[in-house]
Amino acid sequence: MNIESRKLQFIQEFLKLQSEEVISKLEKILKKENIDSDEKVLKPMTIDELNERVDQSESDFKNNRFKTSSELLAKYE
């Protein structure tokens, strides 16, 4: 069973629930998972990582390895 099918099946079962307690538990689990996921995704850079990124960006700019905002916007027009 693929992930989309599992999600749909979960939603169908969730909609059948009548217990406030079970719904509250599921809400807490989901909230905790979202917080944990956000913390992993939003890990701040170290100063060294930031400096490396700045150096790389400056090098890219000097070597004409960039796109203008007009070029980027044209892609979505």
Protein backbone atom coordinates (compact mmCIF):
# COMPACT_ATOMS: atom_id res chain seq x y z
CA MET A 1 0.00 0.00 0.00
CA ASN A 2 1.50 3.36 -1.00
CA ILE A 3 1.63 6.43 1.22
CA GLU A 4 -1.33 8.15 -0.43
CA SER A 5 -3.56 5.13 0.09
CA ARG A 6 -2.45 4.87 3.71
CA LYS A 7 -3.25 8.55 4.29
CA LEU A 8 -6.72 8.17 2.82
CA GLN A 9 -7.37 5.07 4.87
CA PHE A 10 -6.20 6.86 8.02
CA ILE A 11 -8.45 9.84 7.31
CA GLN A 12 -11.44 7.57 6.76
CA GLU A 13 -10.81 5.81 10.07
CA PHE A 14 -10.19 9.12 11.83
CA LEU A 15 -13.54 10.48 10.64
CA LYS A 16 -15.29 7.51 12.23
CA LEU A 17 -13.83 8.23 15.67
CA GLN A 18 -16.25 9.25 18.39
CA SER A 19 -13.87 9.41 21.35
CA GLU A 20 -12.64 12.87 22.35
CA GLU A 21 -9.81 11.20 24.24
CA VAL A 22 -8.51 9.32 21.20
CA ILE A 23 -8.79 12.41 19.01
CA SER A 24 -6.86 14.43 21.60
CA LYS A 25 -4.12 11.79 21.72
CA LEU A 26 -3.82 11.80 17.94
CA GLU A 27 -3.69 15.61 17.91
CA LYS A 28 -0.86 15.56 20.46
CA ILE A 29 1.07 12.99 18.45
CA LEU A 30 0.67 14.99 15.25
CA LYS A 31 1.67 18.24 16.95
CA LYS A 32 4.77 16.63 18.46
CA GLU A 33 5.76 15.14 15.10
CA ASN A 34 5.37 18.52 13.40
CA ILE A 35 7.49 20.25 16.04
CA ASP A 36 10.19 17.56 15.82
CA SER A 37 10.13 17.76 12.03
CA ASP A 38 10.41 21.56 12.05
CA GLU A 39 13.36 21.43 14.43
CA LYS A 40 15.20 19.07 12.10
CA VAL A 41 14.45 21.16 9.02
CA LEU A 42 15.13 24.54 10.62
CA LYS A 43 18.47 23.75 12.19
CA PRO A 44 20.45 27.01 12.32
CA MET A 45 23.78 27.32 10.53
CA THR A 46 26.99 27.67 12.42
CA ILE A 47 29.08 30.80 11.87
CA ASP A 48 31.55 28.70 9.86
CA GLU A 49 28.77 27.34 7.64
CA LEU A 50 27.44 30.84 7.09
CA ASN A 51 30.90 32.16 6.18
CA GLU A 52 31.43 29.26 3.75
CA ARG A 53 28.11 30.02 2.10
CA VAL A 54 28.97 33.73 1.80
CA ASP A 55 32.36 32.87 0.30
CA GLN A 56 30.75 30.49 -2.19
CA SER A 57 28.14 33.08 -3.15
CA GLU A 58 30.77 35.75 -3.72
CA SER A 59 32.81 33.35 -5.83
CA ASP A 60 29.73 32.42 -7.88
CA PHE A 61 28.97 36.09 -8.48
CA LYS A 62 32.56 36.90 -9.54
CA ASN A 63 32.51 33.95 -11.95
CA ASN A 64 29.13 34.93 -13.43
CA ARG A 65 27.37 31.87 -11.97
CA PHE A 66 24.08 33.50 -11.05
CA LYS A 67 20.67 34.41 -12.45
CA THR A 68 19.03 37.79 -12.27
CA SER A 69 15.63 38.22 -10.69
CA SER A 70 14.25 38.93 -14.18
CA GLU A 71 15.53 35.58 -15.41
CA LEU A 72 13.96 33.80 -12.46
CA LEU A 73 10.63 35.59 -12.84
CA ALA A 74 10.52 34.87 -16.59
CA LYS A 75 10.51 31.17 -15.77
CA TYR A 76 7.11 31.55 -14.04
CA GLU A 77 5.37 33.92 -16.46
